[in-house]
Protein backbone atom coordinates (compact mmCIF):
# COMPACT_ATOMS: atom_id res chain seq x y z
CA MET A 1 11.91 90.99 -52.19
CA ILE A 2 8.80 88.77 -52.35
CA GLY A 3 8.73 89.38 -56.10
CA PHE A 4 12.30 88.11 -56.41
CA MET A 5 11.40 84.97 -54.49
CA LYS A 6 8.33 84.38 -56.68
CA LYS A 7 10.58 84.72 -59.72
CA ASP A 8 12.92 81.97 -58.46
CA LEU A 9 9.98 79.71 -57.58
CA ALA A 10 8.48 80.29 -61.03
CA MET A 11 11.77 79.31 -62.66
CA ILE A 12 11.99 76.04 -60.75
CA LYS A 13 8.27 75.27 -61.17
CA SER A 14 9.01 72.63 -63.79
CA ASN A 15 11.65 71.14 -61.51
CA LEU A 16 9.09 70.81 -58.70
CA LYS A 17 7.57 67.96 -60.71
CA LEU A 18 11.02 66.38 -60.80
CA ILE A 19 11.31 66.73 -57.02
CA GLY A 20 7.88 65.12 -56.64
CA ILE A 21 8.88 62.19 -58.86
CA LEU A 22 12.18 61.79 -56.99
CA ILE A 23 10.36 61.80 -53.65
CA VAL A 24 8.13 58.95 -54.86
CA VAL A 25 11.07 57.00 -56.36
CA TYR A 26 13.30 57.38 -53.31
CA ALA A 27 10.39 56.60 -50.98
CA ILE A 28 9.85 53.29 -52.83
CA MET A 29 13.59 52.55 -52.68
CA GLY A 30 13.51 53.41 -48.97
CA LEU A 31 10.66 50.93 -48.43
CA MET A 32 12.77 48.31 -50.17
CA GLY A 33 15.62 49.11 -47.77
CA GLU A 34 18.01 50.10 -50.55
CA ILE A 35 18.76 53.71 -49.53
CA ASP A 36 18.36 56.22 -46.73
CA ILE A 37 16.33 59.06 -48.27
CA SER A 38 17.39 61.56 -45.61
CA PHE A 39 20.72 62.13 -47.36
CA ILE A 40 19.43 62.79 -50.86
CA LEU A 41 16.40 65.04 -51.31
CA PRO A 42 17.64 68.23 -49.53
CA PHE A 43 20.85 68.20 -51.58
CA ILE A 44 18.86 67.80 -54.79
CA CYS A 45 16.77 70.78 -53.73
CA VAL A 46 19.88 72.99 -53.36
CA MET A 47 21.24 71.81 -56.71
CA ILE A 48 17.96 72.82 -58.36
CA MET A 49 18.13 76.23 -56.69
CA ILE A 50 21.67 76.66 -57.98
CA SER A 51 20.31 76.11 -61.49
CA THR A 52 18.34 79.35 -61.12
CA PHE A 53 21.61 81.23 -61.48
CA SER A 54 21.94 79.79 -64.99
CA TYR A 55 18.39 80.89 -65.79
CA ASP A 56 19.17 84.39 -64.49
CA ASN A 57 22.27 84.59 -66.66
CA TYR A 58 20.49 83.28 -69.75
CA ASN A 59 17.58 85.72 -69.36
CA LYS A 60 19.90 88.61 -68.34
CA TRP A 61 17.88 88.98 -65.14
CA ASP A 62 20.71 90.49 -63.10
CA ALA A 63 21.09 93.44 -65.49
CA TYR A 64 17.36 94.12 -65.06
CA SER A 65 17.21 93.51 -61.30
CA ILE A 66 19.82 96.16 -60.48
CA SER A 67 17.52 98.81 -61.96
CA LEU A 68 14.85 98.01 -59.36
CA PRO A 69 14.74 99.65 -55.89
CA ASN A 70 17.25 97.80 -53.68
CA GLY A 71 17.55 95.38 -56.57
CA ARG A 72 21.04 94.17 -55.78
CA LYS A 73 20.35 93.49 -52.10
CA ASN A 74 16.95 91.92 -52.69
CA SER A 75 18.29 89.71 -55.46
CA VAL A 76 20.93 88.18 -53.20
CA LYS A 77 18.69 88.03 -50.13
CA SER A 78 15.89 86.28 -52.03
CA LYS A 79 18.29 83.59 -53.30
CA TYR A 80 19.39 82.73 -49.77
CA ILE A 81 15.92 82.86 -48.21
CA THR A 82 14.28 80.86 -51.01
CA THR A 83 17.00 78.20 -50.89
CA ILE A 84 16.78 77.88 -47.09
CA LEU A 85 12.97 77.68 -47.16
CA MET A 86 12.98 75.08 -49.94
CA THR A 87 15.58 73.03 -48.08
CA LEU A 88 13.55 73.11 -44.87
CA ILE A 89 10.28 72.24 -46.63
CA VAL A 90 11.84 69.28 -48.47
CA SER A 91 13.53 68.21 -45.21
CA ILE A 92 10.20 68.21 -43.36
CA ILE A 93 8.65 66.10 -46.14
CA THR A 94 11.66 63.76 -45.92
CA ILE A 95 11.28 63.43 -42.14
CA ILE A 96 7.61 62.50 -42.50
CA LEU A 97 8.45 59.95 -45.20
CA SER A 98 11.26 58.53 -43.05
CA PHE A 99 8.83 58.07 -40.15
CA ILE A 100 6.36 56.28 -42.44
CA ILE A 101 9.04 54.07 -44.04
CA SER A 102 10.51 53.22 -40.63
CA TYR A 103 7.09 52.22 -39.28
CA ILE A 104 6.20 50.12 -42.33
CA ASN A 105 9.55 48.31 -42.33
CA THR A 106 10.07 47.81 -38.59
CA LYS A 107 6.66 48.52 -37.01
CA SER A 108 8.40 51.17 -34.90
CA ILE A 109 9.84 54.66 -35.39
CA ASN A 110 13.36 55.56 -34.27
CA TYR A 111 12.63 59.26 -33.85
CA GLU A 112 16.05 60.17 -32.48
CA GLN A 113 18.03 58.47 -35.24
CA ILE A 114 15.89 59.94 -38.02
CA LEU A 115 15.95 63.46 -36.59
CA VAL A 116 19.71 63.36 -35.98
CA SER A 117 20.30 62.11 -39.54
CA MET A 118 18.09 64.85 -40.97
CA PHE A 119 19.71 67.53 -38.86
CA GLY A 120 23.10 66.43 -40.14
CA THR A 121 21.80 66.53 -43.72
CA ILE A 122 20.29 69.99 -43.29
CA PHE A 123 23.54 71.23 -41.72
CA GLY A 124 25.60 69.75 -44.56
CA THR A 125 23.25 71.12 -47.22
CA LEU A 126 23.30 74.65 -45.83
CA LEU A 127 27.07 74.39 -45.40
CA VAL A 128 27.35 73.69 -49.13
CA LEU A 129 25.22 76.78 -49.74
CA THR A 130 27.53 79.00 -47.67
CA PHE A 131 30.52 78.00 -49.78
CA MET A 132 28.93 77.82 -53.21
CA TYR A 133 26.86 81.00 -53.40
CA PRO A 134 29.69 83.53 -52.95
CA VAL A 135 31.78 81.61 -55.51
CA ILE A 136 28.85 81.57 -57.96
CA TYR A 137 28.32 85.30 -57.55
CA LYS A 138 32.02 85.88 -58.11
CA LEU A 139 32.74 83.48 -60.98
CA GLY A 140 29.38 82.47 -62.42
CA VAL A 141 27.85 78.99 -62.32
CA GLU A 142 30.14 77.26 -64.82
CA LYS A 143 33.41 78.55 -63.39
CA ALA A 144 32.07 78.09 -59.85
CA ARG A 145 31.87 74.33 -60.35
CA ILE A 146 35.61 74.26 -61.03
CA GLY A 147 36.24 76.68 -58.18
CA ILE A 148 34.26 74.56 -55.71
CA PHE A 149 36.16 71.45 -56.80
CA LEU A 150 39.47 73.22 -56.21
CA ILE A 151 38.29 74.52 -52.82
CA VAL A 152 37.17 71.07 -51.66
CA PHE A 153 40.35 69.47 -53.01
CA GLY A 154 42.42 72.12 -51.24
CA ILE A 155 40.57 71.62 -47.95
CA VAL A 156 41.17 67.86 -48.14
CA ILE A 157 44.89 68.34 -48.86
CA ILE A 158 45.33 70.96 -46.13
CA GLY A 159 43.28 68.90 -43.68
CA GLY A 160 45.38 65.83 -44.37
CA PHE A 161 48.57 67.84 -43.90
CA LEU A 162 47.43 69.49 -40.66
CA SER A 163 46.16 66.19 -39.23
CA GLN A 164 49.79 65.09 -38.97
CA TYR A 165 50.62 67.97 -36.65
CA ILE A 166 47.37 68.63 -34.76
CA ASP A 167 46.68 66.85 -31.48
CA ILE A 168 43.55 64.83 -32.34
CA SER A 169 42.95 64.01 -28.68
CA PHE A 170 42.37 67.71 -27.99
CA ILE A 171 39.65 67.83 -30.67
CA THR A 172 38.08 64.64 -29.30
CA LYS A 173 38.00 66.08 -25.76
CA THR A 174 36.50 69.32 -27.06
CA LEU A 175 33.75 67.48 -28.97
CA SER A 176 33.07 65.32 -25.90
CA PHE A 177 32.72 68.46 -23.78
CA LEU A 178 30.33 70.01 -26.31
CA GLU A 179 28.29 66.83 -26.81
CA ASP A 180 25.35 67.99 -24.70
CA TYR A 181 25.26 71.30 -26.56
CA LEU A 182 26.29 70.06 -30.01
CA ILE A 183 23.01 70.77 -31.78
CA ILE A 184 22.83 74.30 -30.34
CA VAL A 185 26.46 74.93 -31.29
CA LEU A 186 25.90 73.66 -34.84
CA ILE A 187 22.78 75.81 -35.25
CA ILE A 188 24.73 78.89 -34.14
CA VAL A 189 27.63 77.96 -36.42
CA ILE A 190 25.46 77.51 -39.51
CA ILE A 191 23.53 80.76 -38.84
CA VAL A 192 26.80 82.67 -38.52
CA MET A 193 28.22 81.04 -41.65
CA ILE A 194 25.08 81.76 -43.68
CA TYR A 195 25.17 85.39 -42.56
CA ILE A 196 28.86 85.73 -43.46
CA SER A 197 28.25 84.00 -46.80
CA TYR A 198 25.30 86.31 -47.51
CA LYS A 199 27.29 89.45 -46.72
CA ILE A 200 30.16 88.29 -48.95
CA SER A 201 27.73 87.54 -51.80
CA GLU A 202 26.02 90.88 -51.29
CA LYS A 203 29.33 92.72 -51.43
CA ILE A 204 30.42 90.86 -54.57
CA PHE A 205 27.11 91.49 -56.32
CA SER A 206 27.03 95.15 -55.30
CA LYS A 207 30.28 95.74 -57.22
CA LYS A 208 29.43 93.62 -60.23
CA GLU A 209 28.86 95.35 -63.55
CA PHE A 210 26.44 94.19 -66.24
């Protein structure tokens, strides 16, 4: 599986320069007080990882990978692990930059606010991963973009419809009850969702013909 991960990292090697440039640009913009960098870089990282699917398709990598021992499983597993690791690494860099920017701009560091913002970004980024990867494995990158749009649009429509009939006060009370354990609950939720997403992707890829 390490070989599969090295392959993905090799494919995005040129994009690592782009990430480096974006880190510098957004850090400067952060110093100028124009943006909050915590909401940008991890998402860009996932988008770059998604581009590796296009490279795989163009180079017919999947047809080759299935001929390797445990090729199908390792191919899917490496995508998830590499994406998660890249997201966490970029997030750590972003946290450090946020601390530096906060200190330069205000002569103090709001650790709690920065860490909460980053945790929310990491959660949101990995949540995007859990939805997108199974759809990409099923439909391919190009069709997946349309599929994701339809899924998000459908969720918004259904959510708006259900909000008229669901007792919002019950949700508010539940969130208030879970407030002290919210981070733990969210960590458990995202781990479960990533696992479910991975198993779905694995099942889809195991039945795919090339």
